[in-house]
């Protein structure tokens, strides 16, 4: 397993190898967090994918003095999962609304 510092450096250099290592080392645990929130495989995978993109695009915002890499990523996954849950709930609510037509 590569060290977190090595992974962070690769990501900051926009080296895709860093993303591969990150995925190999953390995807299972992060997927578990997402699945517990969403209780749906498809949505959990969507949240995980969104989260890895956010990590890739925002790695320069990561501050090791505020927490570990895993802690930072788990917050991203949690927030992405909650966003998807809200969106899917809203979409479901929209589909079930009925409109009364007064003629």
C-alpha atoms as a PDB file:
ATOM      1  CA  UNK A   1       0.000   0.000   0.000  1.00  0.00           C
ATOM      2  CA  UNK A   2       1.353   3.380  -0.958  1.00  0.00           C
ATOM      3  CA  UNK A   3       1.546   6.012   1.729  1.00  0.00           C
ATOM      4  CA  UNK A   4      -1.098   8.706   1.826  1.00  0.00           C
ATOM      5  CA  UNK A   5       1.577  11.342   1.235  1.00  0.00           C
ATOM      6  CA  UNK A   6       2.709   9.557  -1.943  1.00  0.00           C
ATOM      7  CA  UNK A   7      -0.872   9.276  -3.198  1.00  0.00           C
ATOM      8  CA  UNK A   8      -1.524  12.947  -2.487  1.00  0.00           C
ATOM      9  CA  UNK A   9       1.625  13.957  -4.344  1.00  0.00           C
ATOM     10  CA  UNK A  10       0.659  11.879  -7.370  1.00  0.00           C
ATOM     11  CA  UNK A  11      -2.831  13.387  -7.378  1.00  0.00           C
ATOM     12  CA  UNK A  12      -1.500  16.919  -7.054  1.00  0.00           C
ATOM     13  CA  UNK A  13       0.723  16.215 -10.050  1.00  0.00           C
ATOM     14  CA  UNK A  14      -2.390  15.040 -11.933  1.00  0.00           C
ATOM     15  CA  UNK A  15      -0.836  11.573 -12.251  1.00  0.00           C
ATOM     16  CA  UNK A  16      -3.587   9.026 -12.950  1.00  0.00           C
ATOM     17  CA  UNK A  17      -1.517   6.373 -11.157  1.00  0.00           C
ATOM     18  CA  UNK A  18      -2.407   8.193  -7.934  1.00  0.00           C
ATOM     19  CA  UNK A  19      -6.105   7.841  -8.726  1.00  0.00           C
ATOM     20  CA  UNK A  20      -5.641   4.129  -9.449  1.00  0.00           C
ATOM     21  CA  UNK A  21      -3.855   3.593  -6.148  1.00  0.00           C
ATOM     22  CA  UNK A  22      -6.460   5.657  -4.334  1.00  0.00           C
ATOM     23  CA  UNK A  23      -9.264   3.597  -5.836  1.00  0.00           C
ATOM     24  CA  UNK A  24      -7.555   0.275  -5.100  1.00  0.00           C
ATOM     25  CA  UNK A  25      -6.901   1.207  -1.481  1.00  0.00           C
ATOM     26  CA  UNK A  26     -10.058   3.065  -0.492  1.00  0.00           C
ATOM     27  CA  UNK A  27     -12.959   2.242  -2.817  1.00  0.00           C
ATOM     28  CA  UNK A  28     -14.338  -0.666  -0.763  1.00  0.00           C
ATOM     29  CA  UNK A  29     -14.526   1.297   2.464  1.00  0.00           C
ATOM     30  CA  UNK A  30     -15.929   4.384   0.754  1.00  0.00           C
ATOM     31  CA  UNK A  31     -18.498   2.309  -1.129  1.00  0.00           C
ATOM     32  CA  UNK A  32     -19.600   0.880   2.225  1.00  0.00           C
ATOM     33  CA  UNK A  33     -20.215   4.367   3.594  1.00  0.00           C
ATOM     34  CA  UNK A  34     -22.225   5.305   0.532  1.00  0.00           C
ATOM     35  CA  UNK A  35     -24.241   2.092   0.510  1.00  0.00           C
ATOM     36  CA  UNK A  36     -25.180   2.500   4.184  1.00  0.00           C
ATOM     37  CA  UNK A  37     -26.599   5.943   3.401  1.00  0.00           C
ATOM     38  CA  UNK A  38     -28.358   5.047   0.142  1.00  0.00           C
ATOM     39  CA  UNK A  39     -29.146   1.336   0.554  1.00  0.00           C
ATOM     40  CA  UNK A  40     -29.002   1.015  -3.235  1.00  0.00           C
ATOM     41  CA  UNK A  41     -26.067  -0.388  -5.234  1.00  0.00           C
ATOM     42  CA  UNK A  42     -26.576   1.776  -8.312  1.00  0.00           C
ATOM     43  CA  UNK A  43     -26.857   5.007  -6.331  1.00  0.00           C
ATOM     44  CA  UNK A  44     -23.890   4.053  -4.117  1.00  0.00           C
ATOM     45  CA  UNK A  45     -21.738   3.449  -7.200  1.00  0.00           C
ATOM     46  CA  UNK A  46     -22.850   6.798  -8.628  1.00  0.00           C
ATOM     47  CA  UNK A  47     -21.943   8.558  -5.371  1.00  0.00           C
ATOM     48  CA  UNK A  48     -18.569   6.802  -5.287  1.00  0.00           C
ATOM     49  CA  UNK A  49     -17.782   7.827  -8.867  1.00  0.00           C
ATOM     50  CA  UNK A  50     -18.812  11.429  -8.161  1.00  0.00           C
ATOM     51  CA  UNK A  51     -16.647  11.413  -5.051  1.00  0.00           C
ATOM     52  CA  UNK A  52     -13.516  10.213  -6.810  1.00  0.00           C
ATOM     53  CA  UNK A  53     -14.000  12.940  -9.418  1.00  0.00           C
ATOM     54  CA  UNK A  54     -14.331  15.510  -6.630  1.00  0.00           C
ATOM     55  CA  UNK A  55     -11.163  14.212  -4.966  1.00  0.00           C
ATOM     56  CA  UNK A  56      -9.302  14.364  -8.294  1.00  0.00           C
ATOM     57  CA  UNK A  57     -10.510  17.908  -9.018  1.00  0.00           C
ATOM     58  CA  UNK A  58     -10.098  19.258  -5.476  1.00  0.00           C
ATOM     59  CA  UNK A  59      -6.989  17.536  -4.116  1.00  0.00           C
ATOM     60  CA  UNK A  60      -5.310  20.927  -3.685  1.00  0.00           C
ATOM     61  CA  UNK A  61      -7.983  21.812  -1.112  1.00  0.00           C
ATOM     62  CA  UNK A  62      -7.023  18.849   1.058  1.00  0.00           C
ATOM     63  CA  UNK A  63      -5.352  19.954   4.290  1.00  0.00           C
ATOM     64  CA  UNK A  64      -3.602  17.186   6.213  1.00  0.00           C
ATOM     65  CA  UNK A  65      -3.630  19.290   9.389  1.00  0.00           C
ATOM     66  CA  UNK A  66      -7.433  18.973   9.492  1.00  0.00           C
ATOM     67  CA  UNK A  67      -7.598  15.190   9.133  1.00  0.00           C
ATOM     68  CA  UNK A  68      -6.414  12.144   7.272  1.00  0.00           C
ATOM     69  CA  UNK A  69      -6.923  11.592   3.570  1.00  0.00           C
ATOM     70  CA  UNK A  70      -9.481   8.883   4.323  1.00  0.00           C
ATOM     71  CA  UNK A  71     -11.425  11.182   6.658  1.00  0.00           C
ATOM     72  CA  UNK A  72     -11.520  13.898   3.994  1.00  0.00           C
ATOM     73  CA  UNK A  73     -12.642  11.436   1.314  1.00  0.00           C
ATOM     74  CA  UNK A  74     -15.250   9.860   3.583  1.00  0.00           C
ATOM     75  CA  UNK A  75     -16.819  13.296   4.112  1.00  0.00           C
ATOM     76  CA  UNK A  76     -16.910  13.814   0.348  1.00  0.00           C
ATOM     77  CA  UNK A  77     -18.581  10.409  -0.127  1.00  0.00           C
ATOM     78  CA  UNK A  78     -21.034  11.107   2.670  1.00  0.00           C
ATOM     79  CA  UNK A  79     -22.006  14.476   1.193  1.00  0.00           C
ATOM     80  CA  UNK A  80     -22.271  13.052  -2.344  1.00  0.00           C
ATOM     81  CA  UNK A  81     -24.460  10.246  -1.055  1.00  0.00           C
ATOM     82  CA  UNK A  82     -26.740  12.634   0.810  1.00  0.00           C
ATOM     83  CA  UNK A  83     -27.006  14.811  -2.302  1.00  0.00           C
ATOM     84  CA  UNK A  84     -28.043  11.806  -4.379  1.00  0.00           C
ATOM     85  CA  UNK A  85     -30.543  10.703  -1.732  1.00  0.00           C
ATOM     86  CA  UNK A  86     -32.115  14.169  -1.744  1.00  0.00           C
ATOM     87  CA  UNK A  87     -32.174  14.275  -5.548  1.00  0.00           C
ATOM     88  CA  UNK A  88     -33.725  10.826  -5.904  1.00  0.00           C
ATOM     89  CA  UNK A  89     -36.280  11.639  -3.210  1.00  0.00           C
ATOM     90  CA  UNK A  90     -37.177  14.864  -5.012  1.00  0.00           C
ATOM     91  CA  UNK A  91     -37.459  13.054  -8.371  1.00  0.00           C
ATOM     92  CA  UNK A  92     -39.695  10.396  -6.819  1.00  0.00           C
ATOM     93  CA  UNK A  93     -41.868  13.058  -5.210  1.00  0.00           C
ATOM     94  CA  UNK A  94     -42.173  14.892  -8.541  1.00  0.00           C
ATOM     95  CA  UNK A  95     -43.270  11.710 -10.310  1.00  0.00           C
ATOM     96  CA  UNK A  96     -45.988  10.979  -7.771  1.00  0.00           C
ATOM     97  CA  UNK A  97     -47.514  14.442  -7.633  1.00  0.00           C
ATOM     98  CA  UNK A  98     -50.888  14.763  -9.277  1.00  0.00           C
ATOM     99  CA  UNK A  99     -52.409  17.882 -10.611  1.00  0.00           C
ATOM    100  CA  UNK A 100     -56.058  18.694 -10.347  1.00  0.00           C
ATOM    101  CA  UNK A 101     -57.548  20.138 -13.469  1.00  0.00           C
ATOM    102  CA  UNK A 102     -60.545  22.403 -13.051  1.00  0.00           C
ATOM    103  CA  UNK A 103     -62.613  22.558 -16.178  1.00  0.00           C
END
